[in-house]
Amino acid sequence: MRRQLRLLSHGGRMPWTYGKVKKTGVNMYKTTVMIDGMMCGMCEAHVNDAIRKALPSVKKLSTSHAKGEAGFLTGDRPDPEKLKSVIEQTGYQVLSVETTEYEKKKGLFGIF
C-alpha cells in the first residue's frame, strides 16, 4: 500500500526515472590542441581563459603544461584557425588542432 501511494505521488513513474530526459542525436566534439610554450599553472590558466573567451560553449576544458596540450568538448565543431589565432595571441605556439566526434561513455556495463 505504501509503495502504491509513493508511485502515485510521482505520477505512476518510479522516482529515479522522474524528470529524466534521454538526449538522442546530440553530437559532441572532442578537440585536442597541442601547445608549445606553457611552463606552469598560470600558463594553463591563460590558455583556458583564451579558449573560453573564443568558445563560450566549451565543456570539460583541461590543460596540461607538462603534456603541452589542452582538451575540451563542444556542441559544435570549432574553427581551428580561430582557435589557433586566439591561443597564439596569448603568446603560445599552437602545434596542432585535432577534432573528433565524441560519444559519451555510458555507466556501469553500458546499462545507464
C-alpha atoms as a PDB file:
ATOM      1  CA  MET A   1       0.000   0.000   0.000  1.00  0.00           C
ATOM      2  CA  ARG A   2       2.788   2.413   0.913  1.00  0.00           C
ATOM      3  CA  ARG A   3       4.610   1.691  -2.370  1.00  0.00           C
ATOM      4  CA  GLN A   4       1.433   2.304  -4.358  1.00  0.00           C
ATOM      5  CA  LEU A   5       0.972   5.692  -2.701  1.00  0.00           C
ATOM      6  CA  ARG A   6       4.575   6.610  -3.407  1.00  0.00           C
ATOM      7  CA  LEU A   7       4.218   5.681  -7.075  1.00  0.00           C
ATOM      8  CA  LEU A   8       1.004   7.639  -7.381  1.00  0.00           C
ATOM      9  CA  SER A   9       2.651  10.716  -5.902  1.00  0.00           C
ATOM     10  CA  HIS A  10       5.247  10.572  -8.709  1.00  0.00           C
ATOM     11  CA  GLY A  11       2.712  10.295 -11.493  1.00  0.00           C
ATOM     12  CA  GLY A  12       2.931   6.500 -11.717  1.00  0.00           C
ATOM     13  CA  ARG A  13       6.654   6.565 -12.566  1.00  0.00           C
ATOM     14  CA  MET A  14       9.439   5.186 -10.496  1.00  0.00           C
ATOM     15  CA  PRO A  15      11.072   8.023  -8.512  1.00  0.00           C
ATOM     16  CA  TRP A  16      14.518   7.525 -10.052  1.00  0.00           C
ATOM     17  CA  THR A  17      13.139   7.950 -13.595  1.00  0.00           C
ATOM     18  CA  TYR A  18      11.129  11.048 -12.781  1.00  0.00           C
ATOM     19  CA  GLY A  19      12.242  14.021 -14.821  1.00  0.00           C
ATOM     20  CA  LYS A  20      14.972  12.252 -16.784  1.00  0.00           C
ATOM     21  CA  VAL A  21      15.077  13.021 -20.468  1.00  0.00           C
ATOM     22  CA  LYS A  22      17.141  10.936 -22.847  1.00  0.00           C
ATOM     23  CA  LYS A  23      19.066  13.019 -25.347  1.00  0.00           C
ATOM     24  CA  THR A  24      19.342  11.437 -28.737  1.00  0.00           C
ATOM     25  CA  GLY A  25      21.103  12.726 -31.788  1.00  0.00           C
ATOM     26  CA  VAL A  26      23.188  15.271 -29.876  1.00  0.00           C
ATOM     27  CA  ASN A  27      26.715  15.333 -31.247  1.00  0.00           C
ATOM     28  CA  MET A  28      29.635  16.424 -29.140  1.00  0.00           C
ATOM     29  CA  TYR A  29      33.101  17.071 -30.468  1.00  0.00           C
ATOM     30  CA  LYS A  30      36.349  16.430 -28.607  1.00  0.00           C
ATOM     31  CA  THR A  31      39.151  18.804 -29.533  1.00  0.00           C
ATOM     32  CA  THR A  32      42.796  18.359 -28.581  1.00  0.00           C
ATOM     33  CA  VAL A  33      45.192  21.266 -29.096  1.00  0.00           C
ATOM     34  CA  MET A  34      48.943  20.693 -28.858  1.00  0.00           C
ATOM     35  CA  ILE A  35      50.573  23.855 -27.487  1.00  0.00           C
ATOM     36  CA  ASP A  36      54.245  24.815 -27.112  1.00  0.00           C
ATOM     37  CA  GLY A  37      55.495  27.335 -24.563  1.00  0.00           C
ATOM     38  CA  MET A  38      53.438  26.549 -21.452  1.00  0.00           C
ATOM     39  CA  MET A  39      55.688  26.299 -18.389  1.00  0.00           C
ATOM     40  CA  CYS A  40      53.425  26.491 -15.331  1.00  0.00           C
ATOM     41  CA  GLY A  41      49.900  26.563 -13.947  1.00  0.00           C
ATOM     42  CA  MET A  42      49.435  30.234 -14.837  1.00  0.00           C
ATOM     43  CA  CYS A  43      50.219  29.400 -18.461  1.00  0.00           C
ATOM     44  CA  GLU A  44      47.426  26.814 -18.311  1.00  0.00           C
ATOM     45  CA  ALA A  45      45.077  29.443 -16.868  1.00  0.00           C
ATOM     46  CA  HIS A  46      45.911  31.901 -19.681  1.00  0.00           C
ATOM     47  CA  VAL A  47      45.208  29.270 -22.329  1.00  0.00           C
ATOM     48  CA  ASN A  48      41.961  28.228 -20.577  1.00  0.00           C
ATOM     49  CA  ASP A  49      40.775  31.843 -20.468  1.00  0.00           C
ATOM     50  CA  ALA A  50      41.571  32.345 -24.161  1.00  0.00           C
ATOM     51  CA  ILE A  51      39.709  29.166 -25.169  1.00  0.00           C
ATOM     52  CA  ARG A  52      36.670  30.008 -23.011  1.00  0.00           C
ATOM     53  CA  LYS A  53      36.551  33.524 -24.452  1.00  0.00           C
ATOM     54  CA  ALA A  54      36.718  32.234 -28.046  1.00  0.00           C
ATOM     55  CA  LEU A  55      34.291  29.337 -27.494  1.00  0.00           C
ATOM     56  CA  PRO A  56      31.733  30.088 -24.751  1.00  0.00           C
ATOM     57  CA  SER A  57      30.061  26.668 -25.193  1.00  0.00           C
ATOM     58  CA  VAL A  58      33.197  24.751 -24.076  1.00  0.00           C
ATOM     59  CA  LYS A  59      32.642  21.896 -21.641  1.00  0.00           C
ATOM     60  CA  LYS A  60      35.208  19.886 -19.653  1.00  0.00           C
ATOM     61  CA  LEU A  61      38.200  22.043 -20.504  1.00  0.00           C
ATOM     62  CA  SER A  62      41.506  20.723 -19.214  1.00  0.00           C
ATOM     63  CA  THR A  63      45.007  21.956 -19.961  1.00  0.00           C
ATOM     64  CA  SER A  64      48.348  20.423 -19.031  1.00  0.00           C
ATOM     65  CA  HIS A  65      51.635  22.277 -19.290  1.00  0.00           C
ATOM     66  CA  ALA A  66      53.502  19.003 -18.688  1.00  0.00           C
ATOM     67  CA  LYS A  67      51.874  17.332 -21.705  1.00  0.00           C
ATOM     68  CA  GLY A  68      51.694  20.553 -23.705  1.00  0.00           C
ATOM     69  CA  GLU A  69      48.049  20.099 -24.597  1.00  0.00           C
ATOM     70  CA  ALA A  70      44.544  21.381 -23.999  1.00  0.00           C
ATOM     71  CA  GLY A  71      41.430  19.248 -24.436  1.00  0.00           C
ATOM     72  CA  PHE A  72      37.762  20.144 -24.343  1.00  0.00           C
ATOM     73  CA  LEU A  73      34.267  19.203 -25.521  1.00  0.00           C
ATOM     74  CA  THR A  74      31.916  21.382 -27.560  1.00  0.00           C
ATOM     75  CA  GLY A  75      28.482  21.005 -29.095  1.00  0.00           C
ATOM     76  CA  ASP A  76      29.629  22.472 -32.417  1.00  0.00           C
ATOM     77  CA  ARG A  77      32.768  21.744 -34.375  1.00  0.00           C
ATOM     78  CA  PRO A  78      35.197  24.582 -33.507  1.00  0.00           C
ATOM     79  CA  ASP A  79      37.046  26.562 -36.170  1.00  0.00           C
ATOM     80  CA  PRO A  80      40.719  25.507 -35.893  1.00  0.00           C
ATOM     81  CA  GLU A  81      42.032  28.786 -37.358  1.00  0.00           C
ATOM     82  CA  LYS A  82      40.082  30.902 -34.868  1.00  0.00           C
ATOM     83  CA  LEU A  83      41.248  28.701 -32.008  1.00  0.00           C
ATOM     84  CA  LYS A  84      44.846  28.889 -33.187  1.00  0.00           C
ATOM     85  CA  SER A  85      44.806  32.674 -33.516  1.00  0.00           C
ATOM     86  CA  VAL A  86      43.223  33.201 -30.081  1.00  0.00           C
ATOM     87  CA  ILE A  87      45.785  30.982 -28.327  1.00  0.00           C
ATOM     88  CA  GLU A  88      48.712  32.495 -30.227  1.00  0.00           C
ATOM     89  CA  GLN A  89      47.575  35.986 -29.168  1.00  0.00           C
ATOM     90  CA  THR A  90      48.347  34.948 -25.588  1.00  0.00           C
ATOM     91  CA  GLY A  91      51.955  34.175 -26.557  1.00  0.00           C
ATOM     92  CA  TYR A  92      51.924  30.406 -27.025  1.00  0.00           C
ATOM     93  CA  GLN A  93      52.541  28.437 -30.214  1.00  0.00           C
ATOM     94  CA  VAL A  94      49.841  26.033 -31.443  1.00  0.00           C
ATOM     95  CA  LEU A  95      51.396  22.926 -32.968  1.00  0.00           C
ATOM     96  CA  SER A  96      48.201  21.115 -33.981  1.00  0.00           C
ATOM     97  CA  VAL A  97      44.418  21.113 -33.562  1.00  0.00           C
ATOM     98  CA  GLU A  98      42.557  17.803 -33.819  1.00  0.00           C
ATOM     99  CA  THR A  99      38.772  17.480 -33.560  1.00  0.00           C
ATOM    100  CA  THR A 100      36.894  14.176 -33.472  1.00  0.00           C
ATOM    101  CA  GLU A 101      33.315  13.165 -32.745  1.00  0.00           C
ATOM    102  CA  TYR A 102      32.786  12.282 -29.110  1.00  0.00           C
ATOM    103  CA  GLU A 103      30.303   9.767 -27.800  1.00  0.00           C
ATOM    104  CA  LYS A 104      29.537   9.989 -24.113  1.00  0.00           C
ATOM    105  CA  LYS A 105      30.619   6.873 -22.278  1.00  0.00           C
ATOM    106  CA  LYS A 106      27.852   5.002 -20.566  1.00  0.00           C
ATOM    107  CA  GLY A 107      27.953   3.966 -16.931  1.00  0.00           C
ATOM    108  CA  LEU A 108      28.159   0.559 -15.421  1.00  0.00           C
ATOM    109  CA  PHE A 109      28.378  -2.087 -18.181  1.00  0.00           C
ATOM    110  CA  GLY A 110      26.689   0.247 -20.674  1.00  0.00           C
ATOM    111  CA  ILE A 111      23.351  -0.049 -18.864  1.00  0.00           C
ATOM    112  CA  PHE A 112      22.990   3.573 -17.729  1.00  0.00           C
END
